[in-house]
Amino acid sequence: MLFVCYPKCSTCQKAKKWLEANDIVFTERHIKENNPTSEELKTWHKQSGLPLKRFFNTSGQLYRKLKLKDKLPHMNEDEKYSLLASDGMLVKRPILIGDDFVLVGFKEAEWKTTLDIE
């Protein structure tokens, strides 16, 4: 599994501790140093079944600074993928990618269900 995170993010730290506590093997990827590409984001988006808006870090400073709340509704999908790929801080995190799932954001109940953990 691939765990895409920002190490300074408290939610990412919580998710990482949870993965380790549950003996989940994963590869960690720093989202700011190794930003997801448009192609990766397209793949993850399709695999997740989530609306593309869920991939945006809507509570982030950069999201607010760029006034994306107002701009996103007028952008097409390719423009949104390019924007997400331009800066890891725009991407909602953590993201956990497995062979047949993509989890965006850390919701313990959702992760337990997906990873089949009691």
N, C-alpha and C. Protein backbone atom coordinates (compact mmCIF):
# COMPACT_ATOMS: atom_id res chain seq x y z
N MET A 1 0.83 -1.18 0.00
CA MET A 1 0.00 0.00 0.00
C MET A 1 0.87 1.24 0.00
N LEU A 2 0.35 2.28 -0.60
CA LEU A 2 1.04 3.56 -0.64
C LEU A 2 0.30 4.53 0.27
N PHE A 3 1.04 5.14 1.19
CA PHE A 3 0.50 6.11 2.13
C PHE A 3 1.07 7.47 1.76
N VAL A 4 0.22 8.32 1.16
CA VAL A 4 0.64 9.64 0.71
C VAL A 4 0.25 10.63 1.81
N CYS A 5 1.26 11.33 2.34
CA CYS A 5 0.98 12.18 3.50
C CYS A 5 1.89 13.40 3.53
N TYR A 6 1.56 14.29 4.46
CA TYR A 6 2.41 15.44 4.78
C TYR A 6 2.81 15.22 6.24
N PRO A 7 4.09 14.93 6.50
CA PRO A 7 4.52 14.54 7.85
C PRO A 7 4.15 15.52 8.97
N LYS A 8 4.02 16.80 8.66
CA LYS A 8 3.67 17.78 9.70
C LYS A 8 2.18 17.84 9.99
N CYS A 9 1.38 17.19 9.18
CA CYS A 9 -0.08 17.19 9.33
C CYS A 9 -0.48 16.25 10.48
N SER A 10 -1.24 16.79 11.43
CA SER A 10 -1.62 15.98 12.60
C SER A 10 -2.52 14.80 12.21
N THR A 11 -3.38 14.99 11.23
CA THR A 11 -4.25 13.89 10.78
C THR A 11 -3.41 12.79 10.13
N CYS A 12 -2.39 13.18 9.36
CA CYS A 12 -1.49 12.20 8.74
C CYS A 12 -0.72 11.43 9.80
N GLN A 13 -0.27 12.14 10.83
CA GLN A 13 0.46 11.49 11.92
C GLN A 13 -0.44 10.47 12.63
N LYS A 14 -1.67 10.86 12.85
CA LYS A 14 -2.65 9.98 13.50
C LYS A 14 -2.89 8.72 12.64
N ALA A 15 -3.06 8.94 11.33
CA ALA A 15 -3.31 7.83 10.41
C ALA A 15 -2.10 6.89 10.37
N LYS A 16 -0.91 7.45 10.34
CA LYS A 16 0.31 6.64 10.29
C LYS A 16 0.43 5.78 11.55
N LYS A 17 0.18 6.39 12.70
CA LYS A 17 0.22 5.63 13.97
C LYS A 17 -0.81 4.51 13.95
N TRP A 18 -1.99 4.81 13.41
CA TRP A 18 -3.05 3.81 13.32
C TRP A 18 -2.62 2.64 12.42
N LEU A 19 -2.03 2.95 11.27
CA LEU A 19 -1.56 1.90 10.36
C LEU A 19 -0.51 1.02 11.05
N GLU A 20 0.44 1.68 11.72
CA GLU A 20 1.50 0.93 12.40
C GLU A 20 0.94 0.08 13.54
N ALA A 21 0.00 0.63 14.29
CA ALA A 21 -0.62 -0.10 15.40
C ALA A 21 -1.38 -1.33 14.91
N ASN A 22 -1.86 -1.27 13.67
CA ASN A 22 -2.60 -2.39 13.10
C ASN A 22 -1.74 -3.26 12.18
N ASP A 23 -0.43 -3.08 12.29
CA ASP A 23 0.54 -3.89 11.52
C ASP A 23 0.28 -3.87 10.01
N ILE A 24 -0.10 -2.71 9.50
CA ILE A 24 -0.32 -2.56 8.06
C ILE A 24 1.02 -2.15 7.43
N VAL A 25 1.42 -2.89 6.42
CA VAL A 25 2.67 -2.58 5.72
C VAL A 25 2.37 -1.56 4.63
N PHE A 26 3.16 -0.49 4.60
CA PHE A 26 2.93 0.56 3.61
C PHE A 26 4.23 1.25 3.26
N THR A 27 4.20 1.91 2.11
CA THR A 27 5.30 2.76 1.68
C THR A 27 4.83 4.19 1.86
N GLU A 28 5.65 4.99 2.52
CA GLU A 28 5.27 6.38 2.79
C GLU A 28 5.81 7.31 1.70
N ARG A 29 4.98 8.25 1.31
CA ARG A 29 5.38 9.22 0.29
C ARG A 29 5.01 10.63 0.76
N HIS A 30 5.98 11.49 0.81
CA HIS A 30 5.81 12.88 1.25
C HIS A 30 5.16 13.67 0.11
N ILE A 31 3.95 14.15 0.35
CA ILE A 31 3.14 14.76 -0.72
C ILE A 31 3.72 16.07 -1.24
N LYS A 32 4.47 16.78 -0.42
CA LYS A 32 5.03 18.06 -0.88
C LYS A 32 6.32 17.83 -1.66
N GLU A 33 7.12 16.85 -1.24
CA GLU A 33 8.38 16.55 -1.93
C GLU A 33 8.16 15.72 -3.19
N ASN A 34 7.09 14.92 -3.19
CA ASN A 34 6.81 14.03 -4.31
C ASN A 34 5.31 14.12 -4.63
N ASN A 35 4.94 15.25 -5.22
CA ASN A 35 3.55 15.54 -5.50
C ASN A 35 2.95 14.54 -6.50
N PRO A 36 1.69 14.13 -6.27
CA PRO A 36 1.04 13.25 -7.24
C PRO A 36 0.95 13.91 -8.62
N THR A 37 1.10 13.12 -9.65
CA THR A 37 0.97 13.63 -11.02
C THR A 37 -0.51 13.64 -11.41
N SER A 38 -0.81 14.34 -12.49
CA SER A 38 -2.19 14.35 -13.00
C SER A 38 -2.67 12.93 -13.29
N GLU A 39 -1.79 12.12 -13.88
CA GLU A 39 -2.17 10.74 -14.22
C GLU A 39 -2.46 9.92 -12.96
N GLU A 40 -1.62 10.06 -11.94
CA GLU A 40 -1.87 9.35 -10.69
C GLU A 40 -3.20 9.79 -10.09
N LEU A 41 -3.43 11.09 -10.08
CA LEU A 41 -4.67 11.61 -9.52
C LEU A 41 -5.89 11.11 -10.27
N LYS A 42 -5.80 11.05 -11.59
CA LYS A 42 -6.91 10.51 -12.40
C LYS A 42 -7.19 9.06 -12.02
N THR A 43 -6.13 8.28 -11.92
CA THR A 43 -6.28 6.86 -11.56
C THR A 43 -6.90 6.71 -10.17
N TRP A 44 -6.35 7.45 -9.21
CA TRP A 44 -6.85 7.36 -7.83
C TRP A 44 -8.29 7.83 -7.74
N HIS A 45 -8.61 8.90 -8.46
CA HIS A 45 -9.97 9.44 -8.45
C HIS A 45 -10.96 8.39 -8.96
N LYS A 46 -10.63 7.78 -10.10
CA LYS A 46 -11.53 6.76 -10.66
C LYS A 46 -11.65 5.56 -9.72
N GLN A 47 -10.53 5.14 -9.15
CA GLN A 47 -10.52 3.99 -8.25
C GLN A 47 -11.28 4.26 -6.95
N SER A 48 -11.29 5.50 -6.51
CA SER A 48 -11.91 5.84 -5.23
C SER A 48 -13.43 5.88 -5.31
N GLY A 49 -13.96 6.23 -6.49
CA GLY A 49 -15.40 6.39 -6.62
C GLY A 49 -15.92 7.67 -5.97
N LEU A 50 -15.01 8.53 -5.53
CA LEU A 50 -15.38 9.77 -4.86
C LEU A 50 -15.49 10.92 -5.86
N PRO A 51 -16.25 11.96 -5.51
CA PRO A 51 -16.24 13.15 -6.36
C PRO A 51 -14.84 13.77 -6.34
N LEU A 52 -14.42 14.36 -7.42
CA LEU A 52 -13.07 14.94 -7.52
C LEU A 52 -12.85 16.01 -6.46
N LYS A 53 -13.89 16.72 -6.08
CA LYS A 53 -13.78 17.77 -5.06
C LYS A 53 -13.21 17.21 -3.75
N ARG A 54 -13.47 15.94 -3.45
CA ARG A 54 -12.96 15.33 -2.21
C ARG A 54 -11.43 15.24 -2.19
N PHE A 55 -10.80 15.37 -3.33
CA PHE A 55 -9.33 15.31 -3.40
C PHE A 55 -8.69 16.66 -3.09
N PHE A 56 -9.50 17.71 -2.96
CA PHE A 56 -8.97 19.03 -2.64
C PHE A 56 -8.93 19.24 -1.13
N ASN A 57 -7.84 19.80 -0.66
CA ASN A 57 -7.67 20.14 0.74
C ASN A 57 -8.39 21.47 0.98
N THR A 58 -9.71 21.39 1.16
CA THR A 58 -10.54 22.60 1.23
C THR A 58 -10.28 23.42 2.49
N SER A 59 -9.62 22.85 3.49
CA SER A 59 -9.33 23.61 4.70
C SER A 59 -7.90 24.19 4.69
N GLY A 60 -7.19 23.97 3.60
CA GLY A 60 -5.81 24.43 3.52
C GLY A 60 -5.69 25.91 3.19
N GLN A 61 -4.57 26.50 3.61
CA GLN A 61 -4.31 27.91 3.36
C GLN A 61 -4.24 28.22 1.87
N LEU A 62 -3.57 27.36 1.11
CA LEU A 62 -3.41 27.60 -0.32
C LEU A 62 -4.75 27.58 -1.05
N TYR A 63 -5.62 26.65 -0.66
CA TYR A 63 -6.97 26.55 -1.24
C TYR A 63 -7.70 27.87 -1.05
N ARG A 64 -7.62 28.41 0.17
CA ARG A 64 -8.30 29.68 0.47
C ARG A 64 -7.63 30.85 -0.25
N LYS A 65 -6.30 30.86 -0.25
CA LYS A 65 -5.55 31.95 -0.88
C LYS A 65 -5.88 32.05 -2.38
N LEU A 66 -6.02 30.90 -3.03
CA LEU A 66 -6.32 30.87 -4.46
C LEU A 66 -7.81 31.03 -4.76
N LYS A 67 -8.62 31.15 -3.69
CA LYS A 67 -10.08 31.31 -3.83
C LYS A 67 -10.70 30.20 -4.67
N LEU A 68 -10.27 28.97 -4.40
CA LEU A 68 -10.72 27.84 -5.21
C LEU A 68 -12.18 27.48 -5.00
N LYS A 69 -12.74 27.85 -3.86
CA LYS A 69 -14.15 27.58 -3.63
C LYS A 69 -14.99 28.18 -4.75
N ASP A 70 -14.59 29.37 -5.18
CA ASP A 70 -15.32 30.07 -6.25
C ASP A 70 -14.90 29.61 -7.64
N LYS A 71 -13.64 29.21 -7.79
CA LYS A 71 -13.10 28.89 -9.12
C LYS A 71 -13.38 27.45 -9.57
N LEU A 72 -13.36 26.48 -8.63
CA LEU A 72 -13.51 25.07 -9.01
C LEU A 72 -14.77 24.76 -9.81
N PRO A 73 -15.93 25.32 -9.44
CA PRO A 73 -17.14 24.98 -10.20
C PRO A 73 -17.06 25.34 -11.69
N HIS A 74 -16.15 26.26 -12.05
CA HIS A 74 -16.03 26.71 -13.44
C HIS A 74 -14.88 26.02 -14.18
N MET A 75 -14.22 25.08 -13.53
CA MET A 75 -13.08 24.38 -14.15
C MET A 75 -13.51 23.00 -14.63
N ASN A 76 -12.88 22.55 -15.73
CA ASN A 76 -13.17 21.19 -16.17
C ASN A 76 -12.27 20.20 -15.41
N GLU A 77 -12.52 18.91 -15.60
CA GLU A 77 -11.78 17.90 -14.85
C GLU A 77 -10.27 17.97 -15.08
N ASP A 78 -9.85 18.14 -16.33
CA ASP A 78 -8.41 18.19 -16.62
C ASP A 78 -7.75 19.38 -15.93
N GLU A 79 -8.44 20.51 -15.89
CA GLU A 79 -7.89 21.69 -15.20
C GLU A 79 -7.76 21.41 -13.71
N LYS A 80 -8.72 20.70 -13.15
CA LYS A 80 -8.67 20.37 -11.72
C LYS A 80 -7.51 19.40 -11.43
N TYR A 81 -7.32 18.40 -12.28
CA TYR A 81 -6.20 17.47 -12.09
C TYR A 81 -4.87 18.22 -12.17
N SER A 82 -4.74 19.11 -13.14
CA SER A 82 -3.50 19.90 -13.30
C SER A 82 -3.25 20.77 -12.08
N LEU A 83 -4.30 21.37 -11.57
CA LEU A 83 -4.19 22.22 -10.40
C LEU A 83 -3.73 21.38 -9.19
N LEU A 84 -4.35 20.24 -8.97
CA LEU A 84 -3.96 19.36 -7.86
C LEU A 84 -2.51 18.91 -8.00
N ALA A 85 -2.10 18.61 -9.22
CA ALA A 85 -0.74 18.13 -9.47
C ALA A 85 0.30 19.25 -9.33
N SER A 86 -0.15 20.49 -9.32
CA SER A 86 0.78 21.62 -9.26
C SER A 86 1.36 21.84 -7.88
N ASP A 87 0.66 21.40 -6.83
CA ASP A 87 1.13 21.62 -5.46
C ASP A 87 0.48 20.62 -4.52
N GLY A 88 1.32 19.83 -3.83
CA GLY A 88 0.82 18.81 -2.91
C GLY A 88 -0.04 19.36 -1.79
N MET A 89 0.15 20.64 -1.47
CA MET A 89 -0.62 21.22 -0.37
C MET A 89 -2.08 21.45 -0.76
N LEU A 90 -2.41 21.33 -2.03
CA LEU A 90 -3.81 21.45 -2.46
C LEU A 90 -4.55 20.12 -2.33
N VAL A 91 -3.81 19.03 -2.15
CA VAL A 91 -4.39 17.69 -2.14
C VAL A 91 -4.78 17.28 -0.73
N LYS A 92 -6.00 16.78 -0.59
CA LYS A 92 -6.49 16.26 0.69
C LYS A 92 -5.60 15.09 1.09
N ARG A 93 -5.28 15.03 2.35
CA ARG A 93 -4.41 13.96 2.82
C ARG A 93 -4.86 13.50 4.19
N PRO A 94 -4.44 12.35 4.61
CA PRO A 94 -3.63 11.39 3.86
C PRO A 94 -4.46 10.66 2.80
N ILE A 95 -3.73 10.02 1.90
CA ILE A 95 -4.37 9.16 0.91
C ILE A 95 -3.72 7.79 1.08
N LEU A 96 -4.54 6.76 1.17
CA LEU A 96 -4.04 5.39 1.26
C LEU A 96 -4.50 4.66 0.01
N ILE A 97 -3.52 4.15 -0.76
CA ILE A 97 -3.83 3.50 -2.02
C ILE A 97 -3.46 2.02 -1.93
N GLY A 98 -4.45 1.18 -2.17
CA GLY A 98 -4.23 -0.26 -2.20
C GLY A 98 -4.51 -0.78 -3.60
N ASP A 99 -4.47 -2.09 -3.77
CA ASP A 99 -4.70 -2.68 -5.09
C ASP A 99 -6.11 -2.39 -5.61
N ASP A 100 -7.09 -2.35 -4.71
CA ASP A 100 -8.48 -2.20 -5.16
C ASP A 100 -9.24 -1.11 -4.41
N PHE A 101 -8.51 -0.17 -3.82
CA PHE A 101 -9.18 0.92 -3.11
C PHE A 101 -8.28 2.15 -3.02
N VAL A 102 -8.93 3.29 -2.80
CA VAL A 102 -8.23 4.54 -2.51
C VAL A 102 -9.03 5.22 -1.41
N LEU A 103 -8.37 5.51 -0.29
CA LEU A 103 -9.01 6.21 0.83
C LEU A 103 -8.43 7.62 0.92
N VAL A 104 -9.31 8.61 0.97
CA VAL A 104 -8.87 10.01 1.00
C VAL A 104 -9.31 10.61 2.34
N GLY A 105 -8.34 11.14 3.09
CA GLY A 105 -8.64 11.64 4.42
C GLY A 105 -8.69 10.47 5.39
N PHE A 106 -8.45 10.74 6.66
CA PHE A 106 -8.44 9.65 7.64
C PHE A 106 -9.74 9.64 8.43
N LYS A 107 -10.55 8.62 8.13
CA LYS A 107 -11.75 8.34 8.90
C LYS A 107 -11.58 6.90 9.38
N GLU A 108 -11.28 6.76 10.66
CA GLU A 108 -10.90 5.46 11.20
C GLU A 108 -11.91 4.36 10.86
N ALA A 109 -13.19 4.63 11.01
CA ALA A 109 -14.22 3.61 10.74
C ALA A 109 -14.16 3.15 9.28
N GLU A 110 -13.99 4.11 8.37
CA GLU A 110 -13.91 3.79 6.94
C GLU A 110 -12.66 2.95 6.65
N TRP A 111 -11.53 3.33 7.26
CA TRP A 111 -10.29 2.59 7.05
C TRP A 111 -10.40 1.18 7.61
N LYS A 112 -11.03 1.04 8.80
CA LYS A 112 -11.21 -0.29 9.42
C LYS A 112 -12.02 -1.19 8.48
N THR A 113 -13.11 -0.65 7.97
CA THR A 113 -13.98 -1.43 7.08
C THR A 113 -13.23 -1.84 5.82
N THR A 114 -12.58 -0.89 5.17
CA THR A 114 -11.88 -1.16 3.93
C THR A 114 -10.74 -2.16 4.12
N LEU A 115 -10.01 -2.02 5.22
CA LEU A 115 -8.86 -2.90 5.47
C LEU A 115 -9.25 -4.15 6.25
N ASP A 116 -10.54 -4.30 6.53
CA ASP A 116 -11.08 -5.47 7.22
C ASP A 116 -10.39 -5.68 8.57
N ILE A 117 -10.41 -4.65 9.38
CA ILE A 117 -9.82 -4.69 10.73
C ILE A 117 -10.94 -4.60 11.75
N GLU A 118 -10.88 -5.46 12.75
CA GLU A 118 -11.91 -5.50 13.80
C GLU A 118 -11.82 -4.28 14.68
